[in-house]
Amino acid sequence: MRSWIFACLMAAGCLPGLQSQDNSFLAGAHLGIQNTWIVSGTDADEGPLLDFETTFRPAFGIDLAYRYRPSWRLLTGLRYALQGQRYSTANVPNALYKTELSYFKLPLLVEYTTRNERPLHIFFQGGIQLAFLASAKSSREDVFEYYSAVLKEVNSYYSNTVVEGVLGCGIEYATGPHLLRLMVRAEYALNDIEQTEKKPALRSVASNAAIALPMVAYLYDF
């Protein structure tokens, strides 16, 4: 994990134009509804015994950005996201089970924005973020076993820190120092979200995946 952070900081330090005369700081907030999944080959192999249900969870936070060239920004901030997965099983009528996860996230992203005389711009962003586990609950017995109707706290079965890749794009409307943004943003865990040493031997790596559809944001350009 330290290597990920170091590589990202080195990349940021090597970006051209960090001392440009066009630099400025931006701050704001965002809110989105995410379609979330817990991606595991083991769960997928259970076939008709386990069906994945569409799962939507909110995410919101504050944004900080630094414009180091007219079209380029560095973005960070603090994000709180609810994630997880809802399941239904074919062998138990009307049975619905779920895993609920929540994280505090620290992104470090690079963003490119088309700049022209018009107020409407298109932007693209990408990078990594650190996700710190806030809570984990599951209705599966010991997370990996049988299904239960009781939702229990299972923090000890999940990794405390996860590295995620982030990609996003959207449109931005600028009016003076005010920037209104509408975007699609995808996140995917790059390491196992479950405690590997507590897994059954045959269970595969599990990853969080989420797509914000959509995410709205506001930035103020100082």
Protein backbone atom coordinates (compact mmCIF):
# COMPACT_ATOMS: atom_id res chain seq x y z
CA MET A 1 0.00 0.00 0.00
CA ARG A 2 2.85 2.39 0.75
CA SER A 3 4.16 1.78 -2.76
CA TRP A 4 0.81 2.91 -4.20
CA ILE A 5 0.90 6.14 -2.20
CA PHE A 6 4.55 6.81 -3.07
CA ALA A 7 3.95 6.20 -6.78
CA CYS A 8 0.98 8.55 -6.80
CA LEU A 9 2.86 11.32 -5.02
CA MET A 10 5.82 10.93 -7.39
CA ALA A 11 3.49 11.15 -10.38
CA ALA A 12 1.90 14.31 -8.99
CA GLY A 13 5.31 15.84 -8.37
CA CYS A 14 6.38 15.18 -11.95
CA LEU A 15 3.33 16.77 -13.56
CA PRO A 16 4.30 19.75 -15.71
CA GLY A 17 3.22 23.23 -14.85
CA LEU A 18 2.64 22.85 -11.12
CA GLN A 19 4.04 26.34 -10.64
CA SER A 20 2.06 27.85 -13.50
CA GLN A 21 0.75 31.40 -13.26
CA ASP A 22 -2.73 29.98 -13.97
CA ASN A 23 -2.93 28.12 -10.69
CA SER A 24 -5.83 28.45 -8.28
CA PHE A 25 -7.57 26.53 -5.50
CA LEU A 26 -11.10 25.15 -5.59
CA ALA A 27 -13.36 23.75 -2.87
CA GLY A 28 -16.83 22.27 -2.81
CA ALA A 29 -18.97 19.21 -2.16
CA HIS A 30 -20.57 16.29 -3.99
CA LEU A 31 -23.48 13.86 -3.64
CA GLY A 32 -24.21 10.73 -5.62
CA ILE A 33 -26.25 7.54 -5.76
CA GLN A 34 -24.07 4.48 -6.43
CA ASN A 35 -24.89 1.12 -7.94
CA THR A 36 -22.63 -1.13 -5.84
CA TRP A 37 -21.42 -4.73 -6.00
CA ILE A 38 -19.22 -7.11 -4.05
CA VAL A 39 -17.45 -8.96 -6.86
CA SER A 40 -16.42 -12.52 -5.96
CA GLY A 41 -15.94 -15.45 -8.31
CA THR A 42 -17.02 -17.82 -5.54
CA ASP A 43 -20.40 -16.13 -5.16
CA ALA A 44 -20.87 -16.02 -8.93
CA ASP A 45 -20.22 -19.78 -9.17
CA GLU A 46 -23.14 -20.55 -6.86
CA GLY A 47 -25.43 -20.12 -9.85
CA PRO A 48 -29.18 -20.34 -9.13
CA LEU A 49 -28.55 -20.80 -5.41
CA LEU A 50 -27.51 -17.16 -5.08
CA ASP A 51 -28.75 -14.25 -7.15
CA PHE A 52 -27.32 -10.75 -7.02
CA GLU A 53 -29.93 -8.04 -6.49
CA THR A 54 -29.53 -4.46 -7.73
CA THR A 55 -28.06 -2.47 -4.86
CA PHE A 56 -28.06 1.33 -4.61
CA ARG A 57 -26.26 3.25 -1.85
CA PRO A 58 -25.47 6.97 -1.33
CA ALA A 59 -22.05 8.62 -1.24
CA PHE A 60 -21.17 12.21 -0.39
CA GLY A 61 -18.24 14.35 0.68
CA ILE A 62 -16.14 17.48 0.33
CA ASP A 63 -13.76 18.25 -2.54
CA LEU A 64 -10.51 20.19 -2.69
CA ALA A 65 -8.74 20.91 -5.96
CA TYR A 66 -5.67 22.72 -7.26
CA ARG A 67 -5.60 24.04 -10.83
CA TYR A 68 -1.96 23.95 -11.93
CA ARG A 69 -2.61 24.57 -15.64
CA PRO A 70 -5.67 25.98 -17.43
CA SER A 71 -6.98 22.50 -18.26
CA TRP A 72 -5.41 20.40 -15.49
CA ARG A 73 -6.30 19.94 -11.81
CA LEU A 74 -5.32 17.79 -8.87
CA LEU A 75 -8.27 16.68 -6.73
CA THR A 76 -8.53 15.33 -3.20
CA GLY A 77 -11.02 15.59 -0.33
CA LEU A 78 -12.95 13.36 2.04
CA ARG A 79 -15.73 11.03 0.93
CA TYR A 80 -18.18 8.85 2.89
CA ALA A 81 -19.69 5.97 0.95
CA LEU A 82 -22.16 3.22 1.75
CA GLN A 83 -21.54 0.06 -0.26
CA GLY A 84 -22.41 -3.62 -0.22
CA GLN A 85 -24.54 -6.23 -1.95
CA ARG A 86 -28.07 -7.57 -1.69
CA TYR A 87 -28.72 -11.23 -2.49
CA SER A 88 -31.72 -13.48 -3.01
CA THR A 89 -31.64 -17.28 -2.86
CA ALA A 90 -33.64 -19.68 -5.00
CA ASN A 91 -34.05 -22.31 -2.29
CA VAL A 92 -35.72 -19.96 0.24
CA PRO A 93 -38.84 -18.19 -1.10
CA ASN A 94 -38.83 -14.39 -0.73
CA ALA A 95 -35.52 -14.51 1.14
CA LEU A 96 -33.34 -11.42 0.83
CA TYR A 97 -29.90 -11.19 2.43
CA LYS A 98 -27.35 -8.43 2.39
CA THR A 99 -23.87 -7.23 3.24
CA GLU A 100 -23.59 -3.56 4.20
CA LEU A 101 -20.23 -1.77 4.19
CA SER A 102 -19.33 1.86 4.82
CA TYR A 103 -16.03 3.63 4.15
CA PHE A 104 -14.27 6.95 4.58
CA LYS A 105 -12.30 7.62 1.40
CA LEU A 106 -9.35 9.86 0.53
CA PRO A 107 -8.99 10.31 -3.25
CA LEU A 108 -5.99 11.62 -5.18
CA LEU A 109 -7.06 12.27 -8.76
CA VAL A 110 -5.81 14.06 -11.85
CA GLU A 111 -8.44 15.83 -13.95
CA TYR A 112 -8.44 17.22 -17.47
CA THR A 113 -11.05 19.83 -18.42
CA THR A 114 -11.73 21.15 -21.89
CA ARG A 115 -11.27 24.92 -21.77
CA ASN A 116 -12.98 27.26 -24.22
CA GLU A 117 -14.92 30.50 -24.24
CA ARG A 118 -18.21 28.70 -23.63
CA PRO A 119 -19.43 28.10 -20.07
CA LEU A 120 -20.04 24.37 -20.65
CA HIS A 121 -17.00 22.08 -20.41
CA ILE A 122 -16.30 18.35 -20.47
CA PHE A 123 -13.92 16.81 -17.93
CA PHE A 124 -12.19 13.47 -17.37
CA GLN A 125 -10.56 12.28 -14.15
CA GLY A 126 -8.65 9.28 -12.88
CA GLY A 127 -6.42 8.14 -10.04
CA ILE A 128 -6.54 6.17 -6.83
CA GLN A 129 -8.13 6.54 -3.41
CA LEU A 130 -7.66 4.97 -0.01
CA ALA A 131 -10.84 3.53 1.53
CA PHE A 132 -10.89 3.11 5.33
CA LEU A 133 -13.51 0.72 6.69
CA ALA A 134 -16.04 2.40 9.01
CA SER A 135 -18.48 -0.48 9.50
CA ALA A 136 -19.36 -3.90 8.10
CA LYS A 137 -22.57 -5.86 8.63
CA SER A 138 -23.71 -9.11 7.05
CA SER A 139 -26.62 -11.52 7.24
CA ARG A 140 -24.38 -14.40 6.15
CA GLU A 141 -23.21 -16.59 9.02
CA ASP A 142 -19.54 -15.71 9.67
CA VAL A 143 -19.62 -13.84 6.33
CA PHE A 144 -18.73 -16.90 4.23
CA GLU A 145 -21.21 -19.52 5.46
CA TYR A 146 -24.99 -19.99 5.57
CA TYR A 147 -27.60 -17.27 5.18
CA SER A 148 -29.45 -15.76 8.09
CA ALA A 149 -32.17 -13.16 8.53
CA VAL A 150 -30.14 -11.48 11.28
CA LEU A 151 -27.79 -8.64 10.32
CA LYS A 152 -24.61 -8.82 12.43
CA GLU A 153 -21.52 -6.66 12.79
CA VAL A 154 -18.59 -8.36 11.01
CA ASN A 155 -15.84 -5.70 10.94
CA SER A 156 -13.13 -8.23 11.82
CA TYR A 157 -13.75 -10.16 8.58
CA TYR A 158 -12.98 -7.17 6.33
CA SER A 159 -9.76 -5.33 5.48
CA ASN A 160 -9.35 -2.04 7.33
CA THR A 161 -7.82 -0.29 4.31
CA VAL A 162 -8.51 -0.82 0.61
CA VAL A 163 -6.83 0.80 -2.41
CA GLU A 164 -9.27 1.69 -5.19
CA GLY A 165 -8.88 2.78 -8.78
CA VAL A 166 -11.13 5.66 -9.89
CA LEU A 167 -12.29 6.80 -13.34
CA GLY A 168 -14.85 9.46 -14.08
CA CYS A 169 -16.16 11.88 -16.68
CA GLY A 170 -18.84 14.53 -16.85
CA ILE A 171 -19.92 18.01 -17.79
CA GLU A 172 -19.20 21.25 -15.96
CA TYR A 173 -21.06 24.55 -16.19
CA ALA A 174 -19.05 27.60 -15.13
CA THR A 175 -20.62 30.89 -14.11
CA GLY A 176 -18.03 33.21 -12.64
CA PRO A 177 -16.21 31.37 -9.83
CA HIS A 178 -19.06 28.85 -9.48
CA LEU A 179 -18.73 25.42 -11.12
CA LEU A 180 -21.75 23.09 -11.33
CA ARG A 181 -20.89 19.51 -12.26
CA LEU A 182 -22.76 16.36 -13.32
CA MET A 183 -20.73 13.19 -13.74
CA VAL A 184 -20.45 9.42 -13.87
CA ARG A 185 -17.77 7.94 -11.60
CA ALA A 186 -16.57 4.34 -11.30
CA GLU A 187 -14.55 2.84 -8.43
CA TYR A 188 -13.00 -0.64 -8.14
CA ALA A 189 -11.01 -2.16 -5.28
CA LEU A 190 -7.47 -3.19 -6.25
CA ASN A 191 -6.92 -5.50 -3.27
CA ASP A 192 -9.04 -8.02 -1.35
CA ILE A 193 -11.70 -6.32 0.78
CA GLU A 194 -11.98 -9.42 2.99
CA GLN A 195 -9.46 -10.63 5.56
CA THR A 196 -7.62 -13.26 3.53
CA GLU A 197 -6.47 -15.29 6.54
CA LYS A 198 -10.08 -15.75 7.72
CA LYS A 199 -11.40 -17.02 4.39
CA PRO A 200 -12.18 -20.64 3.54
CA ALA A 201 -9.42 -22.02 1.32
CA LEU A 202 -11.60 -22.12 -1.80
CA ARG A 203 -12.99 -18.57 -1.56
CA SER A 204 -11.72 -16.17 -4.21
CA VAL A 205 -10.67 -12.54 -3.87
CA ALA A 206 -13.58 -10.15 -3.23
CA SER A 207 -13.61 -6.58 -4.56
CA ASN A 208 -15.86 -3.58 -4.10
CA ALA A 209 -17.20 -2.04 -7.29
CA ALA A 210 -19.39 1.04 -7.62
CA ILE A 211 -20.71 3.34 -10.32
CA ALA A 212 -22.22 6.69 -9.37
CA LEU A 213 -25.27 7.28 -11.58
CA PRO A 214 -25.12 10.19 -11.42
CA MET A 215 -23.01 12.31 -9.08
CA VAL A 216 -23.63 16.04 -8.73
CA ALA A 217 -21.00 18.44 -7.39
CA TYR A 218 -20.31 22.11 -6.78
CA LEU A 219 -16.89 23.78 -6.78
CA TYR A 220 -15.93 27.37 -5.97
CA ASP A 221 -12.84 28.69 -7.75
CA PHE A 222 -10.92 31.03 -5.44
